[in-house]
Amino acid sequence: MHYREKLQLWVREALAELGGEGSILDVVKRVWANHEADIVEVGDAFYTWQYDIRWAADSLRKSGKLGLRKAGAKSVWLLRN
């Protein structure tokens, strides 16, 4: 599985662990806690992974697997089937 596909999976896993929704900050914290070694292993991904995770979320939104809700100035990501 390619790194960017893994990121999509990790976003979905993090949201599931968070009860189906979470802020971007909550999601990246959860992904880092669960996959720090995987991210570091990819090499340059260590420097770009937080940008890359937003790309993954955008791809998930386009495929209907992730929703977005505004909560004031912040966004909340919503897990969809």
PDB file of N, CA and C in Angstrom:
ATOM      1  N   MET A   1       0.853  -1.172   0.000  1.00  0.00           N
ATOM      2  CA  MET A   1       0.000   0.000   0.000  1.00  0.00           C
ATOM      3  C   MET A   1       0.904   1.242   0.000  1.00  0.00           C
ATOM      4  N   HIS A   2       0.586   2.161  -0.866  1.00  0.00           N
ATOM      5  CA  HIS A   2       1.338   3.414  -0.999  1.00  0.00           C
ATOM      6  C   HIS A   2       1.108   4.294   0.234  1.00  0.00           C
ATOM      7  N   TYR A   3       2.088   5.109   0.547  1.00  0.00           N
ATOM      8  CA  TYR A   3       2.034   6.001   1.720  1.00  0.00           C
ATOM      9  C   TYR A   3       0.764   6.846   1.754  1.00  0.00           C
ATOM     10  N   ARG A   4       0.378   7.422   0.622  1.00  0.00           N
ATOM     11  CA  ARG A   4      -0.817   8.291   0.624  1.00  0.00           C
ATOM     12  C   ARG A   4      -2.087   7.485   0.882  1.00  0.00           C
ATOM     13  N   GLU A   5      -2.123   6.239   0.418  1.00  0.00           N
ATOM     14  CA  GLU A   5      -3.271   5.379   0.730  1.00  0.00           C
ATOM     15  C   GLU A   5      -3.293   5.043   2.219  1.00  0.00           C
ATOM     16  N   LYS A   6      -2.107   4.831   2.787  1.00  0.00           N
ATOM     17  CA  LYS A   6      -2.020   4.572   4.222  1.00  0.00           C
ATOM     18  C   LYS A   6      -2.549   5.757   5.017  1.00  0.00           C
ATOM     19  N   LEU A   7      -2.212   6.960   4.580  1.00  0.00           N
ATOM     20  CA  LEU A   7      -2.698   8.147   5.283  1.00  0.00           C
ATOM     21  C   LEU A   7      -4.222   8.187   5.311  1.00  0.00           C
ATOM     22  N   GLN A   8      -4.852   7.838   4.208  1.00  0.00           N
ATOM     23  CA  GLN A   8      -6.317   7.816   4.184  1.00  0.00           C
ATOM     24  C   GLN A   8      -6.846   6.801   5.186  1.00  0.00           C
ATOM     25  N   LEU A   9      -6.229   5.639   5.224  1.00  0.00           N
ATOM     26  CA  LEU A   9      -6.625   4.608   6.183  1.00  0.00           C
ATOM     27  C   LEU A   9      -6.417   5.096   7.611  1.00  0.00           C
ATOM     28  N   TRP A  10      -5.282   5.739   7.861  1.00  0.00           N
ATOM     29  CA  TRP A  10      -4.980   6.225   9.210  1.00  0.00           C
ATOM     30  C   TRP A  10      -5.950   7.319   9.646  1.00  0.00           C
ATOM     31  N   VAL A  11      -6.368   8.183   8.727  1.00  0.00           N
ATOM     32  CA  VAL A  11      -7.361   9.211   9.058  1.00  0.00           C
ATOM     33  C   VAL A  11      -8.663   8.545   9.467  1.00  0.00           C
ATOM     34  N   ARG A  12      -9.087   7.550   8.692  1.00  0.00           N
ATOM     35  CA  ARG A  12     -10.333   6.843   9.014  1.00  0.00           C
ATOM     36  C   ARG A  12     -10.226   6.111  10.348  1.00  0.00           C
ATOM     37  N   GLU A  13      -9.084   5.489  10.603  1.00  0.00           N
ATOM     38  CA  GLU A  13      -8.877   4.801  11.882  1.00  0.00           C
ATOM     39  C   GLU A  13      -8.926   5.787  13.047  1.00  0.00           C
ATOM     40  N   ALA A  14      -8.256   6.922  12.882  1.00  0.00           N
ATOM     41  CA  ALA A  14      -8.236   7.931  13.945  1.00  0.00           C
ATOM     42  C   ALA A  14      -9.641   8.438  14.236  1.00  0.00           C
ATOM     43  N   LEU A  15     -10.403   8.715  13.196  1.00  0.00           N
ATOM     44  CA  LEU A  15     -11.771   9.196  13.397  1.00  0.00           C
ATOM     45  C   LEU A  15     -12.629   8.133  14.071  1.00  0.00           C
ATOM     46  N   ALA A  16     -12.439   6.875  13.716  1.00  0.00           N
ATOM     47  CA  ALA A  16     -13.184   5.798  14.373  1.00  0.00           C
ATOM     48  C   ALA A  16     -12.837   5.756  15.856  1.00  0.00           C
ATOM     49  N   GLU A  17     -11.564   5.893  16.185  1.00  0.00           N
ATOM     50  CA  GLU A  17     -11.133   5.906  17.584  1.00  0.00           C
ATOM     51  C   GLU A  17     -11.687   7.109  18.335  1.00  0.00           C
ATOM     52  N   LEU A  18     -11.930   8.186  17.621  1.00  0.00           N
ATOM     53  CA  LEU A  18     -12.463   9.416  18.230  1.00  0.00           C
ATOM     54  C   LEU A  18     -13.994   9.437  18.251  1.00  0.00           C
ATOM     55  N   GLY A  19     -14.617   8.335  17.922  1.00  0.00           N
ATOM     56  CA  GLY A  19     -16.071   8.261  17.952  1.00  0.00           C
ATOM     57  C   GLY A  19     -16.743   8.747  16.684  1.00  0.00           C
ATOM     58  N   GLY A  20     -15.981   8.846  15.593  1.00  0.00           N
ATOM     59  CA  GLY A  20     -16.570   9.205  14.312  1.00  0.00           C
ATOM     60  C   GLY A  20     -16.371  10.646  13.887  1.00  0.00           C
ATOM     61  N   GLU A  21     -15.830  11.470  14.767  1.00  0.00           N
ATOM     62  CA  GLU A  21     -15.567  12.857  14.385  1.00  0.00           C
ATOM     63  C   GLU A  21     -14.457  13.436  15.247  1.00  0.00           C
ATOM     64  N   GLY A  22     -13.776  14.438  14.674  1.00  0.00           N
ATOM     65  CA  GLY A  22     -12.710  15.089  15.426  1.00  0.00           C
ATOM     66  C   GLY A  22     -12.140  16.261  14.660  1.00  0.00           C
ATOM     67  N   SER A  23     -11.511  17.154  15.392  1.00  0.00           N
ATOM     68  CA  SER A  23     -10.843  18.278  14.760  1.00  0.00           C
ATOM     69  C   SER A  23      -9.591  17.777  14.043  1.00  0.00           C
ATOM     70  N   ILE A  24      -9.069  18.598  13.159  1.00  0.00           N
ATOM     71  CA  ILE A  24      -7.831  18.237  12.473  1.00  0.00           C
ATOM     72  C   ILE A  24      -6.746  17.959  13.502  1.00  0.00           C
ATOM     73  N   LEU A  25      -6.657  18.782  14.522  1.00  0.00           N
ATOM     74  CA  LEU A  25      -5.651  18.599  15.566  1.00  0.00           C
ATOM     75  C   LEU A  25      -5.820  17.256  16.275  1.00  0.00           C
ATOM     76  N   ASP A  26      -7.062  16.897  16.613  1.00  0.00           N
ATOM     77  CA  ASP A  26      -7.314  15.608  17.259  1.00  0.00           C
ATOM     78  C   ASP A  26      -6.866  14.450  16.363  1.00  0.00           C
ATOM     79  N   VAL A  27      -7.174  14.565  15.078  1.00  0.00           N
ATOM     80  CA  VAL A  27      -6.830  13.493  14.138  1.00  0.00           C
ATOM     81  C   VAL A  27      -5.322  13.365  13.986  1.00  0.00           C
ATOM     82  N   VAL A  28      -4.606  14.471  13.793  1.00  0.00           N
ATOM     83  CA  VAL A  28      -3.158  14.355  13.601  1.00  0.00           C
ATOM     84  C   VAL A  28      -2.473  13.865  14.873  1.00  0.00           C
ATOM     85  N   LYS A  29      -2.967  14.244  16.028  1.00  0.00           N
ATOM     86  CA  LYS A  29      -2.400  13.723  17.275  1.00  0.00           C
ATOM     87  C   LYS A  29      -2.572  12.212  17.350  1.00  0.00           C
ATOM     88  N   ARG A  30      -3.750  11.733  16.975  1.00  0.00           N
ATOM     89  CA  ARG A  30      -4.037  10.301  17.034  1.00  0.00           C
ATOM     90  C   ARG A  30      -3.198   9.545  16.003  1.00  0.00           C
ATOM     91  N   VAL A  31      -3.097  10.090  14.795  1.00  0.00           N
ATOM     92  CA  VAL A  31      -2.277   9.437  13.771  1.00  0.00           C
ATOM     93  C   VAL A  31      -0.830   9.375  14.230  1.00  0.00           C
ATOM     94  N   TRP A  32      -0.311  10.463  14.786  1.00  0.00           N
ATOM     95  CA  TRP A  32       1.081  10.474  15.259  1.00  0.00           C
ATOM     96  C   TRP A  32       1.276   9.443  16.369  1.00  0.00           C
ATOM     97  N   ALA A  33       0.336   9.376  17.312  1.00  0.00           N
ATOM     98  CA  ALA A  33       0.452   8.428  18.422  1.00  0.00           C
ATOM     99  C   ALA A  33       0.478   6.987  17.920  1.00  0.00           C
ATOM    100  N   ASN A  34      -0.306   6.707  16.885  1.00  0.00           N
ATOM    101  CA  ASN A  34      -0.417   5.335  16.385  1.00  0.00           C
ATOM    102  C   ASN A  34       0.613   4.977  15.321  1.00  0.00           C
ATOM    103  N   HIS A  35       1.149   5.968  14.597  1.00  0.00           N
ATOM    104  CA  HIS A  35       1.964   5.669  13.417  1.00  0.00           C
ATOM    105  C   HIS A  35       3.250   6.476  13.323  1.00  0.00           C
ATOM    106  N   GLU A  36       3.736   6.960  14.449  1.00  0.00           N
ATOM    107  CA  GLU A  36       4.972   7.752  14.436  1.00  0.00           C
ATOM    108  C   GLU A  36       6.102   7.012  13.722  1.00  0.00           C
ATOM    109  N   ALA A  37       6.310   5.759  14.071  1.00  0.00           N
ATOM    110  CA  ALA A  37       7.409   4.995  13.464  1.00  0.00           C
ATOM    111  C   ALA A  37       7.212   4.829  11.962  1.00  0.00           C
ATOM    112  N   ASP A  38       5.973   4.622  11.532  1.00  0.00           N
ATOM    113  CA  ASP A  38       5.686   4.476  10.097  1.00  0.00           C
ATOM    114  C   ASP A  38       5.995   5.767   9.350  1.00  0.00           C
ATOM    115  N   ILE A  39       5.642   6.893   9.940  1.00  0.00           N
ATOM    116  CA  ILE A  39       5.864   8.197   9.304  1.00  0.00           C
ATOM    117  C   ILE A  39       7.357   8.487   9.194  1.00  0.00           C
ATOM    118  N   VAL A  40       8.083   8.256  10.274  1.00  0.00           N
ATOM    119  CA  VAL A  40       9.524   8.502  10.276  1.00  0.00           C
ATOM    120  C   VAL A  40      10.224   7.581   9.277  1.00  0.00           C
ATOM    121  N   GLU A  41       9.745   6.363   9.154  1.00  0.00           N
ATOM    122  CA  GLU A  41      10.345   5.373   8.253  1.00  0.00           C
ATOM    123  C   GLU A  41      10.277   5.790   6.790  1.00  0.00           C
ATOM    124  N   VAL A  42       9.269   6.553   6.410  1.00  0.00           N
ATOM    125  CA  VAL A  42       9.094   6.961   5.019  1.00  0.00           C
ATOM    126  C   VAL A  42      10.169   7.969   4.595  1.00  0.00           C
ATOM    127  N   GLY A  43      10.835   8.586   5.534  1.00  0.00           N
ATOM    128  CA  GLY A  43      11.903   9.532   5.202  1.00  0.00           C
ATOM    129  C   GLY A  43      11.399  10.950   5.175  1.00  0.00           C
ATOM    130  N   ASP A  44      11.294  11.520   3.984  1.00  0.00           N
ATOM    131  CA  ASP A  44      10.858  12.913   3.859  1.00  0.00           C
ATOM    132  C   ASP A  44       9.450  13.142   4.377  1.00  0.00           C
ATOM    133  N   ALA A  45       8.657  12.096   4.507  1.00  0.00           N
ATOM    134  CA  ALA A  45       7.297  12.237   5.019  1.00  0.00           C
ATOM    135  C   ALA A  45       7.286  12.869   6.404  1.00  0.00           C
ATOM    136  N   PHE A  46       8.348  12.674   7.151  1.00  0.00           N
ATOM    137  CA  PHE A  46       8.430  13.288   8.475  1.00  0.00           C
ATOM    138  C   PHE A  46       8.249  14.796   8.384  1.00  0.00           C
ATOM    139  N   TYR A  47       8.702  15.375   7.299  1.00  0.00           N
ATOM    140  CA  TYR A  47       8.637  16.832   7.131  1.00  0.00           C
ATOM    141  C   TYR A  47       7.343  17.304   6.469  1.00  0.00           C
ATOM    142  N   THR A  48       6.607  16.392   5.854  1.00  0.00           N
ATOM    143  CA  THR A  48       5.421  16.787   5.090  1.00  0.00           C
ATOM    144  C   THR A  48       4.126  16.117   5.558  1.00  0.00           C
ATOM    145  N   TRP A  49       4.182  15.231   6.524  1.00  0.00           N
ATOM    146  CA  TRP A  49       3.029  14.392   6.820  1.00  0.00           C
ATOM    147  C   TRP A  49       1.789  15.170   7.235  1.00  0.00           C
ATOM    148  N   GLN A  50       1.937  16.294   7.923  1.00  0.00           N
ATOM    149  CA  GLN A  50       0.739  17.036   8.316  1.00  0.00           C
ATOM    150  C   GLN A  50       0.072  17.701   7.108  1.00  0.00           C
ATOM    151  N   TYR A  51       0.853  18.105   6.136  1.00  0.00           N
ATOM    152  CA  TYR A  51       0.277  18.574   4.872  1.00  0.00           C
ATOM    153  C   TYR A  51      -0.353  17.401   4.137  1.00  0.00           C
ATOM    154  N   ASP A  52       0.362  16.293   4.077  1.00  0.00           N
ATOM    155  CA  ASP A  52      -0.108  15.099   3.364  1.00  0.00           C
ATOM    156  C   ASP A  52      -1.416  14.570   3.943  1.00  0.00           C
ATOM    157  N   ILE A  53      -1.586  14.692   5.250  1.00  0.00           N
ATOM    158  CA  ILE A  53      -2.811  14.192   5.871  1.00  0.00           C
ATOM    159  C   ILE A  53      -4.010  15.034   5.445  1.00  0.00           C
ATOM    160  N   ARG A  54      -3.793  16.306   5.193  1.00  0.00           N
ATOM    161  CA  ARG A  54      -4.880  17.152   4.682  1.00  0.00           C
ATOM    162  C   ARG A  54      -5.231  16.764   3.246  1.00  0.00           C
ATOM    163  N   TRP A  55      -4.223  16.391   2.462  1.00  0.00           N
ATOM    164  CA  TRP A  55      -4.472  15.877   1.116  1.00  0.00           C
ATOM    165  C   TRP A  55      -5.313  14.602   1.213  1.00  0.00           C
ATOM    166  N   ALA A  56      -4.955  13.715   2.140  1.00  0.00           N
ATOM    167  CA  ALA A  56      -5.689  12.460   2.315  1.00  0.00           C
ATOM    168  C   ALA A  56      -7.148  12.738   2.684  1.00  0.00           C
ATOM    169  N   ALA A  57      -7.367  13.699   3.579  1.00  0.00           N
ATOM    170  CA  ALA A  57      -8.727  14.052   3.974  1.00  0.00           C
ATOM    171  C   ALA A  57      -9.506  14.618   2.801  1.00  0.00           C
ATOM    172  N   ASP A  58      -8.872  15.432   1.976  1.00  0.00           N
ATOM    173  CA  ASP A  58      -9.538  15.976   0.792  1.00  0.00           C
ATOM    174  C   ASP A  58      -9.950  14.857  -0.159  1.00  0.00           C
ATOM    175  N   SER A  59      -9.082  13.887  -0.355  1.00  0.00           N
ATOM    176  CA  SER A  59      -9.410  12.747  -1.212  1.00  0.00           C
ATOM    177  C   SER A  59     -10.564  11.941  -0.631  1.00  0.00           C
ATOM    178  N   LEU A  60     -10.568  11.759   0.680  1.00  0.00           N
ATOM    179  CA  LEU A  60     -11.666  11.043   1.334  1.00  0.00           C
ATOM    180  C   LEU A  60     -12.978  11.814   1.201  1.00  0.00           C
ATOM    181  N   ARG A  61     -12.929  13.140   1.300  1.00  0.00           N
ATOM    182  CA  ARG A  61     -14.140  13.952   1.116  1.00  0.00           C
ATOM    183  C   ARG A  61     -14.686  13.794  -0.294  1.00  0.00           C
ATOM    184  N   LYS A  62     -13.796  13.841  -1.284  1.00  0.00           N
ATOM    185  CA  LYS A  62     -14.223  13.709  -2.681  1.00  0.00           C
ATOM    186  C   LYS A  62     -14.850  12.353  -2.967  1.00  0.00           C
ATOM    187  N   SER A  63     -14.417  11.328  -2.237  1.00  0.00           N
ATOM    188  CA  SER A  63     -14.971   9.978  -2.447  1.00  0.00           C
ATOM    189  C   SER A  63     -16.186   9.716  -1.556  1.00  0.00           C
ATOM    190  N   GLY A  64     -16.570  10.706  -0.738  1.00  0.00           N
ATOM    191  CA  GLY A  64     -17.751  10.569   0.115  1.00  0.00           C
ATOM    192  C   GLY A  64     -17.502   9.822   1.412  1.00  0.00           C
ATOM    193  N   LYS A  65     -16.255   9.550   1.745  1.00  0.00           N
ATOM    194  CA  LYS A  65     -15.936   8.789   2.954  1.00  0.00           C
ATOM    195  C   LYS A  65     -15.660   9.671   4.163  1.00  0.00           C
ATOM    196  N   LEU A  66     -15.645  10.980   3.949  1.00  0.00           N
ATOM    197  CA  LEU A  66     -15.366  11.916   5.034  1.00  0.00           C
ATOM    198  C   LEU A  66     -16.205  13.161   4.823  1.00  0.00           C
ATOM    199  N   GLY A  67     -16.803  13.639   5.891  1.00  0.00           N
ATOM    200  CA  GLY A  67     -17.569  14.873   5.834  1.00  0.00           C
ATOM    201  C   GLY A  67     -16.846  15.974   6.589  1.00  0.00           C
ATOM    202  N   LEU A  68     -17.351  17.166   6.457  1.00  0.00           N
ATOM    203  CA  LEU A  68     -16.736  18.326   7.089  1.00  0.00           C
ATOM    204  C   LEU A  68     -17.829  19.190   7.679  1.00  0.00           C
ATOM    205  N   ARG A  69     -17.634  19.591   8.924  1.00  0.00           N
ATOM    206  CA  ARG A  69     -18.578  20.489   9.577  1.00  0.00           C
ATOM    207  C   ARG A  69     -17.782  21.635  10.178  1.00  0.00           C
ATOM    208  N   LYS A  70     -18.264  22.835   9.983  1.00  0.00           N
ATOM    209  CA  LYS A  70     -17.617  24.005  10.574  1.00  0.00           C
ATOM    210  C   LYS A  70     -18.081  24.141  12.020  1.00  0.00           C
ATOM    211  N   ALA A  71     -17.125  24.397  12.897  1.00  0.00           N
ATOM    212  CA  ALA A  71     -17.409  24.641  14.308  1.00  0.00           C
ATOM    213  C   ALA A  71     -16.723  25.953  14.661  1.00  0.00           C
ATOM    214  N   GLY A  72     -17.394  27.048  14.369  1.00  0.00           N
ATOM    215  CA  GLY A  72     -16.780  28.359  14.529  1.00  0.00           C
ATOM    216  C   GLY A  72     -15.722  28.541  13.462  1.00  0.00           C
ATOM    217  N   ALA A  73     -14.524  28.896  13.874  1.00  0.00           N
ATOM    218  CA  ALA A  73     -13.428  29.092  12.926  1.00  0.00           C
ATOM    219  C   ALA A  73     -12.733  27.772  12.580  1.00  0.00           C
ATOM    220  N   LYS A  74     -13.069  26.711  13.292  1.00  0.00           N
ATOM    221  CA  LYS A  74     -12.423  25.419  13.086  1.00  0.00           C
ATOM    222  C   LYS A  74     -13.321  24.490  12.294  1.00  0.00           C
ATOM    223  N   SER A  75     -12.704  23.446  11.754  1.00  0.00           N
ATOM    224  CA  SER A  75     -13.436  22.420  11.030  1.00  0.00           C
ATOM    225  C   SER A  75     -13.384  21.118  11.810  1.00  0.00           C
ATOM    226  N   VAL A  76     -14.454  20.357  11.709  1.00  0.00           N
ATOM    227  CA  VAL A  76     -14.522  19.028  12.309  1.00  0.00           C
ATOM    228  C   VAL A  76     -14.677  18.033  11.179  1.00  0.00           C
ATOM    229  N   TRP A  77     -13.827  17.005  11.173  1.00  0.00           N
ATOM    230  CA  TRP A  77     -13.921  15.943  10.177  1.00  0.00           C
ATOM    231  C   TRP A  77     -14.887  14.881  10.688  1.00  0.00           C
ATOM    232  N   LEU A  78     -15.719  14.390   9.794  1.00  0.00           N
ATOM    233  CA  LEU A  78     -16.751  13.403  10.144  1.00  0.00           C
ATOM    234  C   LEU A  78     -16.536  12.143   9.317  1.00  0.00           C
ATOM    235  N   LEU A  79     -16.491  11.004   9.994  1.00  0.00           N
ATOM    236  CA  LEU A  79     -16.315   9.725   9.322  1.00  0.00           C
ATOM    237  C   LEU A  79     -17.624   9.309   8.676  1.00  0.00           C
ATOM    238  N   ARG A  80     -17.542   8.913   7.429  1.00  0.00           N
ATOM    239  CA  ARG A  80     -18.706   8.393   6.695  1.00  0.00           C
ATOM    240  C   ARG A  80     -18.344   7.018   6.152  1.00  0.00           C
ATOM    241  N   ASN A  81     -19.332   6.198   5.923  1.00  0.00           N
ATOM    242  CA  ASN A  81     -19.069   4.850   5.378  1.00  0.00           C
ATOM    243  C   ASN A  81     -18.815   4.897   3.943  1.00  0.00           C
TER     244      ASN A  81
END
